[in-house]
Amino acid sequence: MNAEVLLIGNDVVVSIWGGTRPHVGAVALAIPRPSLKNQRATSATSSVFTRLGHKEDDIVKRFSEQVSAGVNRVVVVTAGIHWDGIAPEGVEIVRSLCDEISKSLIERVSERKR
């Protein structure tokens, strides 16, 4: 798994790729907003574009919303991760790694604000 982050003005652009055939499988744009459950908390709303036959939509949606809410910035995420014949357990490992990357990114971007 690989990830690259660009800070463009106040916005964040993230590319995530991995496996034997990296590519662009899905793209998400997340925008921070007040939480619907708690107006004092920040949440995010996203739009996702998925390339036909690809399954990265869940990853980019979750990742972009986590980071956008976590740093209160507009976030764009692209992902293209492919391993031939990956087992369901492998897919869960990929999701877990993406969650770890998003948490680390939130911490690093938050530190830069100080």
PDB file of N, CA and C in Angstrom:
ATOM      1  N   MET A   1       0.851  -1.174   0.000  1.00  0.00           N
ATOM      2  CA  MET A   1       0.000   0.000   0.000  1.00  0.00           C
ATOM      3  C   MET A   1       0.892   1.230   0.000  1.00  0.00           C
ATOM      4  N   ASN A   2       0.487   2.207  -0.802  1.00  0.00           N
ATOM      5  CA  ASN A   2       1.196   3.474  -0.880  1.00  0.00           C
ATOM      6  C   ASN A   2       0.185   4.599  -0.780  1.00  0.00           C
ATOM      7  N   ALA A   3       0.642   5.738  -0.274  1.00  0.00           N
ATOM      8  CA  ALA A   3      -0.208   6.923  -0.224  1.00  0.00           C
ATOM      9  C   ALA A   3       0.663   8.149  -0.410  1.00  0.00           C
ATOM     10  N   GLU A   4       0.129   9.114  -1.117  1.00  0.00           N
ATOM     11  CA  GLU A   4       0.803  10.387  -1.305  1.00  0.00           C
ATOM     12  C   GLU A   4      -0.191  11.488  -0.991  1.00  0.00           C
ATOM     13  N   VAL A   5       0.272  12.495  -0.282  1.00  0.00           N
ATOM     14  CA  VAL A   5      -0.596  13.588   0.162  1.00  0.00           C
ATOM     15  C   VAL A   5      -0.063  14.905  -0.373  1.00  0.00           C
ATOM     16  N   LEU A   6      -0.958  15.719  -0.893  1.00  0.00           N
ATOM     17  CA  LEU A   6      -0.630  17.076  -1.305  1.00  0.00           C
ATOM     18  C   LEU A   6      -1.519  18.037  -0.527  1.00  0.00           C
ATOM     19  N   LEU A   7      -0.927  19.055   0.041  1.00  0.00           N
ATOM     20  CA  LEU A   7      -1.700  20.130   0.645  1.00  0.00           C
ATOM     21  C   LEU A   7      -1.724  21.249  -0.382  1.00  0.00           C
ATOM     22  N   ILE A   8      -2.907  21.566  -0.862  1.00  0.00           N
ATOM     23  CA  ILE A   8      -3.074  22.581  -1.888  1.00  0.00           C
ATOM     24  C   ILE A   8      -3.895  23.704  -1.278  1.00  0.00           C
ATOM     25  N   GLY A   9      -3.233  24.783  -0.880  1.00  0.00           N
ATOM     26  CA  GLY A   9      -3.923  25.816  -0.124  1.00  0.00           C
ATOM     27  C   GLY A   9      -4.408  25.198   1.170  1.00  0.00           C
ATOM     28  N   ASN A  10      -5.702  25.324   1.438  1.00  0.00           N
ATOM     29  CA  ASN A  10      -6.280  24.733   2.639  1.00  0.00           C
ATOM     30  C   ASN A  10      -6.864  23.339   2.376  1.00  0.00           C
ATOM     31  N   ASP A  11      -6.759  22.856   1.147  1.00  0.00           N
ATOM     32  CA  ASP A  11      -7.353  21.578   0.763  1.00  0.00           C
ATOM     33  C   ASP A  11      -6.315  20.456   0.795  1.00  0.00           C
ATOM     34  N   VAL A  12      -6.828  19.218   0.836  1.00  0.00           N
ATOM     35  CA  VAL A  12      -5.972  18.034   0.913  1.00  0.00           C
ATOM     36  C   VAL A  12      -6.321  17.106  -0.251  1.00  0.00           C
ATOM     37  N   VAL A  13      -5.288  16.638  -0.960  1.00  0.00           N
ATOM     38  CA  VAL A  13      -5.465  15.668  -2.038  1.00  0.00           C
ATOM     39  C   VAL A  13      -4.635  14.434  -1.687  1.00  0.00           C
ATOM     40  N   VAL A  14      -5.277  13.267  -1.724  1.00  0.00           N
ATOM     41  CA  VAL A  14      -4.618  12.017  -1.344  1.00  0.00           C
ATOM     42  C   VAL A  14      -4.771  10.999  -2.470  1.00  0.00           C
ATOM     43  N   SER A  15      -3.668  10.354  -2.822  1.00  0.00           N
ATOM     44  CA  SER A  15      -3.703   9.221  -3.755  1.00  0.00           C
ATOM     45  C   SER A  15      -3.285   7.978  -2.983  1.00  0.00           C
ATOM     46  N   ILE A  16      -4.069   6.922  -3.132  1.00  0.00           N
ATOM     47  CA  ILE A  16      -3.783   5.645  -2.483  1.00  0.00           C
ATOM     48  C   ILE A  16      -3.714   4.592  -3.580  1.00  0.00           C
ATOM     49  N   TRP A  17      -2.647   3.778  -3.558  1.00  0.00           N
ATOM     50  CA  TRP A  17      -2.535   2.729  -4.554  1.00  0.00           C
ATOM     51  C   TRP A  17      -1.752   1.553  -3.978  1.00  0.00           C
ATOM     52  N   GLY A  18      -1.908   0.427  -4.646  1.00  0.00           N
ATOM     53  CA  GLY A  18      -1.177  -0.738  -4.186  1.00  0.00           C
ATOM     54  C   GLY A  18      -1.518  -1.960  -4.993  1.00  0.00           C
ATOM     55  N   GLY A  19      -0.814  -3.022  -4.693  1.00  0.00           N
ATOM     56  CA  GLY A  19      -1.066  -4.281  -5.364  1.00  0.00           C
ATOM     57  C   GLY A  19      -0.217  -4.462  -6.598  1.00  0.00           C
ATOM     58  N   THR A  20      -0.651  -5.391  -7.436  1.00  0.00           N
ATOM     59  CA  THR A  20       0.107  -5.740  -8.632  1.00  0.00           C
ATOM     60  C   THR A  20      -0.220  -4.847  -9.824  1.00  0.00           C
ATOM     61  N   ARG A  21      -1.377  -4.174  -9.773  1.00  0.00           N
ATOM     62  CA  ARG A  21      -1.763  -3.280 -10.874  1.00  0.00           C
ATOM     63  C   ARG A  21      -2.408  -2.018 -10.324  1.00  0.00           C
ATOM     64  N   PRO A  22      -1.610  -1.079  -9.809  1.00  0.00           N
ATOM     65  CA  PRO A  22      -2.178   0.163  -9.301  1.00  0.00           C
ATOM     66  C   PRO A  22      -2.860   0.939 -10.421  1.00  0.00           C
ATOM     67  N   HIS A  23      -3.852   1.714 -10.066  1.00  0.00           N
ATOM     68  CA  HIS A  23      -4.654   2.426 -11.056  1.00  0.00           C
ATOM     69  C   HIS A  23      -5.517   3.457 -10.332  1.00  0.00           C
ATOM     70  N   VAL A  24      -6.396   4.123 -11.066  1.00  0.00           N
ATOM     71  CA  VAL A  24      -7.422   4.977 -10.458  1.00  0.00           C
ATOM     72  C   VAL A  24      -8.744   4.230 -10.606  1.00  0.00           C
ATOM     73  N   GLY A  25      -9.272   3.752  -9.480  1.00  0.00           N
ATOM     74  CA  GLY A  25     -10.517   3.000  -9.508  1.00  0.00           C
ATOM     75  C   GLY A  25     -11.706   3.802  -9.022  1.00  0.00           C
ATOM     76  N   ALA A  26     -11.446   4.757  -8.125  1.00  0.00           N
ATOM     77  CA  ALA A  26     -12.527   5.599  -7.598  1.00  0.00           C
ATOM     78  C   ALA A  26     -11.933   6.904  -7.075  1.00  0.00           C
ATOM     79  N   VAL A  27     -12.779   7.928  -7.067  1.00  0.00           N
ATOM     80  CA  VAL A  27     -12.399   9.251  -6.588  1.00  0.00           C
ATOM     81  C   VAL A  27     -13.526   9.766  -5.695  1.00  0.00           C
ATOM     82  N   ALA A  28     -13.157  10.406  -4.582  1.00  0.00           N
ATOM     83  CA  ALA A  28     -14.158  11.012  -3.693  1.00  0.00           C
ATOM     84  C   ALA A  28     -13.754  12.437  -3.371  1.00  0.00           C
ATOM     85  N   LEU A  29     -14.762  13.283  -3.232  1.00  0.00           N
ATOM     86  CA  LEU A  29     -14.600  14.660  -2.768  1.00  0.00           C
ATOM     87  C   LEU A  29     -15.436  14.795  -1.507  1.00  0.00           C
ATOM     88  N   ALA A  30     -14.784  15.126  -0.387  1.00  0.00           N
ATOM     89  CA  ALA A  30     -15.497  15.286   0.883  1.00  0.00           C
ATOM     90  C   ALA A  30     -15.393  16.739   1.337  1.00  0.00           C
ATOM     91  N   ILE A  31     -16.497  17.231   1.868  1.00  0.00           N
ATOM     92  CA  ILE A  31     -16.590  18.613   2.339  1.00  0.00           C
ATOM     93  C   ILE A  31     -17.024  18.581   3.801  1.00  0.00           C
ATOM     94  N   PRO A  32     -16.262  19.267   4.686  1.00  0.00           N
ATOM     95  CA  PRO A  32     -16.643  19.260   6.099  1.00  0.00           C
ATOM     96  C   PRO A  32     -17.914  20.065   6.340  1.00  0.00           C
ATOM     97  N   ARG A  33     -18.646  19.670   7.388  1.00  0.00           N
ATOM     98  CA  ARG A  33     -19.888  20.352   7.759  1.00  0.00           C
ATOM     99  C   ARG A  33     -20.186  20.038   9.218  1.00  0.00           C
ATOM    100  N   PRO A  34     -21.047  20.836   9.850  1.00  0.00           N
ATOM    101  CA  PRO A  34     -21.456  20.490  11.219  1.00  0.00           C
ATOM    102  C   PRO A  34     -22.188  19.146  11.223  1.00  0.00           C
ATOM    103  N   SER A  35     -21.928  18.343  12.228  1.00  0.00           N
ATOM    104  CA  SER A  35     -22.581  17.052  12.359  1.00  0.00           C
ATOM    105  C   SER A  35     -24.090  17.228  12.491  1.00  0.00           C
ATOM    106  N   LEU A  36     -24.843  16.332  11.902  1.00  0.00           N
ATOM    107  CA  LEU A  36     -26.300  16.387  12.015  1.00  0.00           C
ATOM    108  C   LEU A  36     -26.762  15.971  13.411  1.00  0.00           C
ATOM    109  N   LYS A  37     -25.940  15.174  14.112  1.00  0.00           N
ATOM    110  CA  LYS A  37     -26.291  14.703  15.450  1.00  0.00           C
ATOM    111  C   LYS A  37     -25.816  15.642  16.542  1.00  0.00           C
ATOM    112  N   ASN A  38     -24.709  16.341  16.289  1.00  0.00           N
ATOM    113  CA  ASN A  38     -24.127  17.226  17.296  1.00  0.00           C
ATOM    114  C   ASN A  38     -23.520  18.426  16.568  1.00  0.00           C
ATOM    115  N   GLN A  39     -24.192  19.549  16.602  1.00  0.00           N
ATOM    116  CA  GLN A  39     -23.754  20.728  15.854  1.00  0.00           C
ATOM    117  C   GLN A  39     -22.360  21.214  16.257  1.00  0.00           C
ATOM    118  N   ARG A  40     -21.861  20.803  17.415  1.00  0.00           N
ATOM    119  CA  ARG A  40     -20.519  21.203  17.847  1.00  0.00           C
ATOM    120  C   ARG A  40     -19.426  20.322  17.255  1.00  0.00           C
ATOM    121  N   ALA A  41     -19.819  19.190  16.702  1.00  0.00           N
ATOM    122  CA  ALA A  41     -18.861  18.265  16.094  1.00  0.00           C
ATOM    123  C   ALA A  41     -18.824  18.489  14.585  1.00  0.00           C
ATOM    124  N   THR A  42     -17.702  18.116  13.984  1.00  0.00           N
ATOM    125  CA  THR A  42     -17.565  18.224  12.534  1.00  0.00           C
ATOM    126  C   THR A  42     -17.738  16.851  11.908  1.00  0.00           C
ATOM    127  N   SER A  43     -18.481  16.816  10.825  1.00  0.00           N
ATOM    128  CA  SER A  43     -18.666  15.609  10.036  1.00  0.00           C
ATOM    129  C   SER A  43     -18.270  15.970   8.603  1.00  0.00           C
ATOM    130  N   ALA A  44     -18.607  15.137   7.644  1.00  0.00           N
ATOM    131  CA  ALA A  44     -18.301  15.440   6.245  1.00  0.00           C
ATOM    132  C   ALA A  44     -19.300  14.750   5.338  1.00  0.00           C
ATOM    133  N   THR A  45     -19.515  15.361   4.193  1.00  0.00           N
ATOM    134  CA  THR A  45     -20.363  14.796   3.156  1.00  0.00           C
ATOM    135  C   THR A  45     -19.490  14.577   1.931  1.00  0.00           C
ATOM    136  N   SER A  46     -19.687  13.453   1.245  1.00  0.00           N
ATOM    137  CA  SER A  46     -18.831  13.167   0.092  1.00  0.00           C
ATOM    138  C   SER A  46     -19.641  12.797  -1.144  1.00  0.00           C
ATOM    139  N   SER A  47     -18.988  12.997  -2.277  1.00  0.00           N
ATOM    140  CA  SER A  47     -19.478  12.507  -3.559  1.00  0.00           C
ATOM    141  C   SER A  47     -18.412  11.584  -4.109  1.00  0.00           C
ATOM    142  N   VAL A  48     -18.851  10.477  -4.719  1.00  0.00           N
ATOM    143  CA  VAL A  48     -17.912   9.453  -5.178  1.00  0.00           C
ATOM    144  C   VAL A  48     -18.167   9.138  -6.642  1.00  0.00           C
ATOM    145  N   PHE A  49     -17.082   9.010  -7.390  1.00  0.00           N
ATOM    146  CA  PHE A  49     -17.125   8.544  -8.773  1.00  0.00           C
ATOM    147  C   PHE A  49     -16.335   7.247  -8.827  1.00  0.00           C
ATOM    148  N   THR A  50     -16.950   6.191  -9.369  1.00  0.00           N
ATOM    149  CA  THR A  50     -16.306   4.888  -9.410  1.00  0.00           C
ATOM    150  C   THR A  50     -16.196   4.405 -10.845  1.00  0.00           C
ATOM    151  N   ARG A  51     -15.032   3.956 -11.190  1.00  0.00           N
ATOM    152  CA  ARG A  51     -14.807   3.389 -12.509  1.00  0.00           C
ATOM    153  C   ARG A  51     -15.536   2.051 -12.603  1.00  0.00           C
ATOM    154  N   LEU A  52     -16.190   1.816 -13.719  1.00  0.00           N
ATOM    155  CA  LEU A  52     -16.972   0.602 -13.932  1.00  0.00           C
ATOM    156  C   LEU A  52     -16.158  -0.644 -13.588  1.00  0.00           C
ATOM    157  N   GLY A  53     -16.727  -1.490 -12.757  1.00  0.00           N
ATOM    158  CA  GLY A  53     -16.092  -2.744 -12.388  1.00  0.00           C
ATOM    159  C   GLY A  53     -15.094  -2.642 -11.248  1.00  0.00           C
ATOM    160  N   HIS A  54     -14.977  -1.483 -10.637  1.00  0.00           N
ATOM    161  CA  HIS A  54     -14.010  -1.302  -9.555  1.00  0.00           C
ATOM    162  C   HIS A  54     -14.721  -1.205  -8.213  1.00  0.00           C
ATOM    163  N   LYS A  55     -13.974  -1.487  -7.151  1.00  0.00           N
ATOM    164  CA  LYS A  55     -14.586  -1.586  -5.831  1.00  0.00           C
ATOM    165  C   LYS A  55     -13.963  -0.655  -4.796  1.00  0.00           C
ATOM    166  N   GLU A  56     -13.215   0.337  -5.252  1.00  0.00           N
ATOM    167  CA  GLU A  56     -12.566   1.248  -4.314  1.00  0.00           C
ATOM    168  C   GLU A  56     -13.496   2.331  -3.780  1.00  0.00           C
ATOM    169  N   ASP A  57     -14.759   2.324  -4.204  1.00  0.00           N
ATOM    170  CA  ASP A  57     -15.689   3.377  -3.780  1.00  0.00           C
ATOM    171  C   ASP A  57     -15.856   3.441  -2.265  1.00  0.00           C
ATOM    172  N   ASP A  58     -15.959   2.298  -1.620  1.00  0.00           N
ATOM    173  CA  ASP A  58     -16.089   2.292  -0.159  1.00  0.00           C
ATOM    174  C   ASP A  58     -14.855   2.882   0.514  1.00  0.00           C
ATOM    175  N   ILE A  59     -13.696   2.564  -0.023  1.00  0.00           N
ATOM    176  CA  ILE A  59     -12.449   3.050   0.566  1.00  0.00           C
ATOM    177  C   ILE A  59     -12.350   4.565   0.445  1.00  0.00           C
ATOM    178  N   VAL A  60     -12.590   5.113  -0.758  1.00  0.00           N
ATOM    179  CA  VAL A  60     -12.427   6.564  -0.921  1.00  0.00           C
ATOM    180  C   VAL A  60     -13.485   7.342  -0.152  1.00  0.00           C
ATOM    181  N   LYS A  61     -14.700   6.814  -0.074  1.00  0.00           N
ATOM    182  CA  LYS A  61     -15.754   7.500   0.679  1.00  0.00           C
ATOM    183  C   LYS A  61     -15.387   7.586   2.154  1.00  0.00           C
ATOM    184  N   ARG A  62     -15.066   6.457   2.731  1.00  0.00           N
ATOM    185  CA  ARG A  62     -14.726   6.408   4.163  1.00  0.00           C
ATOM    186  C   ARG A  62     -13.492   7.261   4.466  1.00  0.00           C
ATOM    187  N   PHE A  63     -12.442   7.076   3.670  1.00  0.00           N
ATOM    188  CA  PHE A  63     -11.186   7.783   3.889  1.00  0.00           C
ATOM    189  C   PHE A  63     -11.383   9.291   3.772  1.00  0.00           C
ATOM    190  N   SER A  64     -12.043   9.740   2.708  1.00  0.00           N
ATOM    191  CA  SER A  64     -12.211  11.181   2.498  1.00  0.00           C
ATOM    192  C   SER A  64     -13.054  11.810   3.597  1.00  0.00           C
ATOM    193  N   GLU A  65     -14.110  11.132   4.032  1.00  0.00           N
ATOM    194  CA  GLU A  65     -14.960  11.678   5.089  1.00  0.00           C
ATOM    195  C   GLU A  65     -14.232  11.702   6.430  1.00  0.00           C
ATOM    196  N   GLN A  66     -13.460  10.661   6.735  1.00  0.00           N
ATOM    197  CA  GLN A  66     -12.693  10.652   7.982  1.00  0.00           C
ATOM    198  C   GLN A  66     -11.715  11.820   8.027  1.00  0.00           C
ATOM    199  N   VAL A  67     -10.965  11.990   6.957  1.00  0.00           N
ATOM    200  CA  VAL A  67      -9.951  13.045   6.938  1.00  0.00           C
ATOM    201  C   VAL A  67     -10.594  14.422   6.907  1.00  0.00           C
ATOM    202  N   SER A  68     -11.612  14.603   6.094  1.00  0.00           N
ATOM    203  CA  SER A  68     -12.277  15.908   6.005  1.00  0.00           C
ATOM    204  C   SER A  68     -12.840  16.343   7.351  1.00  0.00           C
ATOM    205  N   ALA A  69     -13.522  15.442   8.026  1.00  0.00           N
ATOM    206  CA  ALA A  69     -14.070  15.756   9.350  1.00  0.00           C
ATOM    207  C   ALA A  69     -12.948  15.952  10.368  1.00  0.00           C
ATOM    208  N   GLY A  70     -11.891  15.170  10.246  1.00  0.00           N
ATOM    209  CA  GLY A  70     -10.801  15.223  11.203  1.00  0.00           C
ATOM    210  C   GLY A  70      -9.961  16.483  11.129  1.00  0.00           C
ATOM    211  N   VAL A  71      -9.837  17.055   9.934  1.00  0.00           N
ATOM    212  CA  VAL A  71      -9.003  18.258   9.780  1.00  0.00           C
ATOM    213  C   VAL A  71      -9.806  19.484   9.366  1.00  0.00           C
ATOM    214  N   ASN A  72     -11.110  19.297   9.168  1.00  0.00           N
ATOM    215  CA  ASN A  72     -12.011  20.395   8.786  1.00  0.00           C
ATOM    216  C   ASN A  72     -11.545  21.085   7.501  1.00  0.00           C
ATOM    217  N   ARG A  73     -11.272  20.270   6.492  1.00  0.00           N
ATOM    218  CA  ARG A  73     -10.830  20.766   5.192  1.00  0.00           C
ATOM    219  C   ARG A  73     -11.523  19.976   4.081  1.00  0.00           C
ATOM    220  N   VAL A  74     -11.547  20.553   2.895  1.00  0.00           N
ATOM    221  CA  VAL A  74     -12.016  19.826   1.722  1.00  0.00           C
ATOM    222  C   VAL A  74     -10.941  18.798   1.371  1.00  0.00           C
ATOM    223  N   VAL A  75     -11.378  17.571   1.073  1.00  0.00           N
ATOM    224  CA  VAL A  75     -10.446  16.477   0.807  1.00  0.00           C
ATOM    225  C   VAL A  75     -10.868  15.729  -0.459  1.00  0.00           C
ATOM    226  N   VAL A  76      -9.891  15.468  -1.336  1.00  0.00           N
ATOM    227  CA  VAL A  76     -10.098  14.617  -2.507  1.00  0.00           C
ATOM    228  C   VAL A  76      -9.219  13.385  -2.334  1.00  0.00           C
ATOM    229  N   VAL A  77      -9.802  12.210  -2.587  1.00  0.00           N
ATOM    230  CA  VAL A  77      -9.055  10.955  -2.467  1.00  0.00           C
ATOM    231  C   VAL A  77      -9.245  10.142  -3.742  1.00  0.00           C
ATOM    232  N   THR A  78      -8.140   9.642  -4.296  1.00  0.00           N
ATOM    233  CA  THR A  78      -8.197   8.669  -5.382  1.00  0.00           C
ATOM    234  C   THR A  78      -7.637   7.357  -4.845  1.00  0.00           C
ATOM    235  N   ALA A  79      -8.165   6.245  -5.330  1.00  0.00           N
ATOM    236  CA  ALA A  79      -7.631   4.951  -4.916  1.00  0.00           C
ATOM    237  C   ALA A  79      -7.716   3.963  -6.063  1.00  0.00           C
ATOM    238  N   GLY A  80      -6.679   3.151  -6.157  1.00  0.00           N
ATOM    239  CA  GLY A  80      -6.630   2.064  -7.118  1.00  0.00           C
ATOM    240  C   GLY A  80      -5.748   0.961  -6.566  1.00  0.00           C
ATOM    241  N   ILE A  81      -6.371  -0.064  -6.045  1.00  0.00           N
ATOM    242  CA  ILE A  81      -5.662  -1.135  -5.342  1.00  0.00           C
ATOM    243  C   ILE A  81      -6.106  -2.455  -5.964  1.00  0.00           C
ATOM    244  N   HIS A  82      -5.134  -3.266  -6.402  1.00  0.00           N
ATOM    245  CA  HIS A  82      -5.530  -4.518  -7.048  1.00  0.00           C
ATOM    246  C   HIS A  82      -4.524  -5.635  -6.794  1.00  0.00           C
ATOM    247  N   TRP A  83      -5.027  -6.734  -6.273  1.00  0.00           N
ATOM    248  CA  TRP A  83      -4.288  -7.988  -6.189  1.00  0.00           C
ATOM    249  C   TRP A  83      -5.190  -9.051  -6.805  1.00  0.00           C
ATOM    250  N   ASP A  84      -4.684  -9.813  -7.757  1.00  0.00           N
ATOM    251  CA  ASP A  84      -5.469 -10.900  -8.343  1.00  0.00           C
ATOM    252  C   ASP A  84      -5.865 -11.897  -7.269  1.00  0.00           C
ATOM    253  N   GLY A  85      -7.132 -12.264  -7.238  1.00  0.00           N
ATOM    254  CA  GLY A  85      -7.618 -13.309  -6.348  1.00  0.00           C
ATOM    255  C   GLY A  85      -7.512 -13.003  -4.871  1.00  0.00           C
ATOM    256  N   ILE A  86      -7.546 -11.735  -4.502  1.00  0.00           N
ATOM    257  CA  ILE A  86      -7.438 -11.392  -3.085  1.00  0.00           C
ATOM    258  C   ILE A  86      -8.619 -11.993  -2.313  1.00  0.00           C
ATOM    259  N   ALA A  87      -8.320 -12.589  -1.176  1.00  0.00           N
ATOM    260  CA  ALA A  87      -9.344 -13.210  -0.324  1.00  0.00           C
ATOM    261  C   ALA A  87     -10.057 -12.128   0.488  1.00  0.00           C
ATOM    262  N   PRO A  88     -11.256 -12.432   0.997  1.00  0.00           N
ATOM    263  CA  PRO A  88     -11.974 -11.456   1.829  1.00  0.00           C
ATOM    264  C   PRO A  88     -11.136 -10.946   3.002  1.00  0.00           C
ATOM    265  N   GLU A  89     -10.301 -11.813   3.566  1.00  0.00           N
ATOM    266  CA  GLU A  89      -9.437 -11.381   4.667  1.00  0.00           C
ATOM    267  C   GLU A  89      -8.439 -10.330   4.194  1.00  0.00           C
ATOM    268  N   GLY A  90      -7.965 -10.483   2.973  1.00  0.00           N
ATOM    269  CA  GLY A  90      -7.047  -9.508   2.385  1.00  0.00           C
ATOM    270  C   GLY A  90      -7.709  -8.161   2.181  1.00  0.00           C
ATOM    271  N   VAL A  91      -8.957  -8.187   1.761  1.00  0.00           N
ATOM    272  CA  VAL A  91      -9.713  -6.942   1.582  1.00  0.00           C
ATOM    273  C   VAL A  91      -9.850  -6.229   2.928  1.00  0.00           C
ATOM    274  N   GLU A  92     -10.108  -6.979   3.982  1.00  0.00           N
ATOM    275  CA  GLU A  92     -10.222  -6.376   5.319  1.00  0.00           C
ATOM    276  C   GLU A  92      -8.890  -5.783   5.780  1.00  0.00           C
ATOM    277  N   ILE A  93      -7.797  -6.428   5.427  1.00  0.00           N
ATOM    278  CA  ILE A  93      -6.474  -5.881   5.763  1.00  0.00           C
ATOM    279  C   ILE A  93      -6.266  -4.566   5.030  1.00  0.00           C
ATOM    280  N   VAL A  94      -6.636  -4.499   3.758  1.00  0.00           N
ATOM    281  CA  VAL A  94      -6.513  -3.257   2.985  1.00  0.00           C
ATOM    282  C   VAL A  94      -7.342  -2.155   3.640  1.00  0.00           C
ATOM    283  N   ARG A  95      -8.568  -2.459   4.018  1.00  0.00           N
ATOM    284  CA  ARG A  95      -9.416  -1.454   4.688  1.00  0.00           C
ATOM    285  C   ARG A  95      -8.788  -0.979   5.992  1.00  0.00           C
ATOM    286  N   SER A  96      -8.257  -1.901   6.759  1.00  0.00           N
ATOM    287  CA  SER A  96      -7.613  -1.562   8.025  1.00  0.00           C
ATOM    288  C   SER A  96      -6.388  -0.670   7.803  1.00  0.00           C
ATOM    289  N   LEU A  97      -5.592  -0.997   6.803  1.00  0.00           N
ATOM    290  CA  LEU A  97      -4.423  -0.173   6.485  1.00  0.00           C
ATOM    291  C   LEU A  97      -4.848   1.233   6.067  1.00  0.00           C
ATOM    292  N   CYS A  98      -5.914   1.332   5.296  1.00  0.00           N
ATOM    293  CA  CYS A  98      -6.422   2.651   4.885  1.00  0.00           C
ATOM    294  C   CYS A  98      -6.885   3.456   6.098  1.00  0.00           C
ATOM    295  N   ASP A  99      -7.534   2.802   7.054  1.00  0.00           N
ATOM    296  CA  ASP A  99      -7.935   3.490   8.289  1.00  0.00           C
ATOM    297  C   ASP A  99      -6.718   3.996   9.054  1.00  0.00           C
ATOM    298  N   GLU A 100      -5.660   3.181   9.116  1.00  0.00           N
ATOM    299  CA  GLU A 100      -4.432   3.609   9.798  1.00  0.00           C
ATOM    300  C   GLU A 100      -3.808   4.813   9.094  1.00  0.00           C
ATOM    301  N   ILE A 101      -3.793   4.779   7.767  1.00  0.00           N
ATOM    302  CA  ILE A 101      -3.237   5.892   6.993  1.00  0.00           C
ATOM    303  C   ILE A 101      -4.048   7.158   7.246  1.00  0.00           C
ATOM    304  N   SER A 102      -5.380   7.042   7.264  1.00  0.00           N
ATOM    305  CA  SER A 102      -6.212   8.239   7.471  1.00  0.00           C
ATOM    306  C   SER A 102      -5.983   8.829   8.859  1.00  0.00           C
ATOM    307  N   LYS A 103      -5.852   7.983   9.882  1.00  0.00           N
ATOM    308  CA  LYS A 103      -5.592   8.479  11.240  1.00  0.00           C
ATOM    309  C   LYS A 103      -4.255   9.197  11.318  1.00  0.00           C
ATOM    310  N   SER A 104      -3.246   8.620  10.703  1.00  0.00           N
ATOM    311  CA  SER A 104      -1.926   9.239  10.686  1.00  0.00           C
ATOM    312  C   SER A 104      -1.961  10.578   9.945  1.00  0.00           C
ATOM    313  N   LEU A 105      -2.674  10.611   8.841  1.00  0.00           N
ATOM    314  CA  LEU A 105      -2.789  11.844   8.061  1.00  0.00           C
ATOM    315  C   LEU A 105      -3.478  12.933   8.872  1.00  0.00           C
ATOM    316  N   ILE A 106      -4.550  12.588   9.566  1.00  0.00           N
ATOM    317  CA  ILE A 106      -5.264  13.563  10.402  1.00  0.00           C
ATOM    318  C   ILE A 106      -4.313  14.139  11.448  1.00  0.00           C
ATOM    319  N   GLU A 107      -3.544  13.281  12.092  1.00  0.00           N
ATOM    320  CA  GLU A 107      -2.590  13.746  13.103  1.00  0.00           C
ATOM    321  C   GLU A 107      -1.558  14.686  12.505  1.00  0.00           C
ATOM    322  N   ARG A 108      -1.003  14.322  11.367  1.00  0.00           N
ATOM    323  CA  ARG A 108       0.050  15.143  10.753  1.00  0.00           C
ATOM    324  C   ARG A 108      -0.477  16.484  10.263  1.00  0.00           C
ATOM    325  N   VAL A 109      -1.639  16.485   9.625  1.00  0.00           N
ATOM    326  CA  VAL A 109      -2.199  17.754   9.139  1.00  0.00           C
ATOM    327  C   VAL A 109      -2.597  18.633  10.326  1.00  0.00           C
ATOM    328  N   SER A 110      -3.143  18.036  11.370  1.00  0.00           N
ATOM    329  CA  SER A 110      -3.510  18.797  12.560  1.00  0.00           C
ATOM    330  C   SER A 110      -2.283  19.434  13.219  1.00  0.00           C
ATOM    331  N   GLU A 111      -1.176  18.712  13.243  1.00  0.00           N
ATOM    332  CA  GLU A 111       0.066  19.254  13.813  1.00  0.00           C
ATOM    333  C   GLU A 111       0.578  20.452  13.023  1.00  0.00           C
ATOM    334  N   ARG A 112       0.386  20.440  11.717  1.00  0.00           N
ATOM    335  CA  ARG A 112       0.845  21.538  10.864  1.00  0.00           C
ATOM    336  C   ARG A 112       0.082  22.835  11.135  1.00  0.00           C
ATOM    337  N   LYS A 113      -1.147  22.715  11.623  1.00  0.00           N
ATOM    338  CA  LYS A 113      -1.970  23.894  11.907  1.00  0.00           C
ATOM    339  C   LYS A 113      -1.427  24.691  13.086  1.00  0.00           C
ATOM    340  N   ARG A 114      -0.742  24.004  14.003  1.00  0.00           N
ATOM    341  CA  ARG A 114      -0.281  24.652  15.231  1.00  0.00           C
ATOM    342  C   ARG A 114       0.828  25.621  14.990  1.00  0.00           C
TER     343      ARG A 114
END
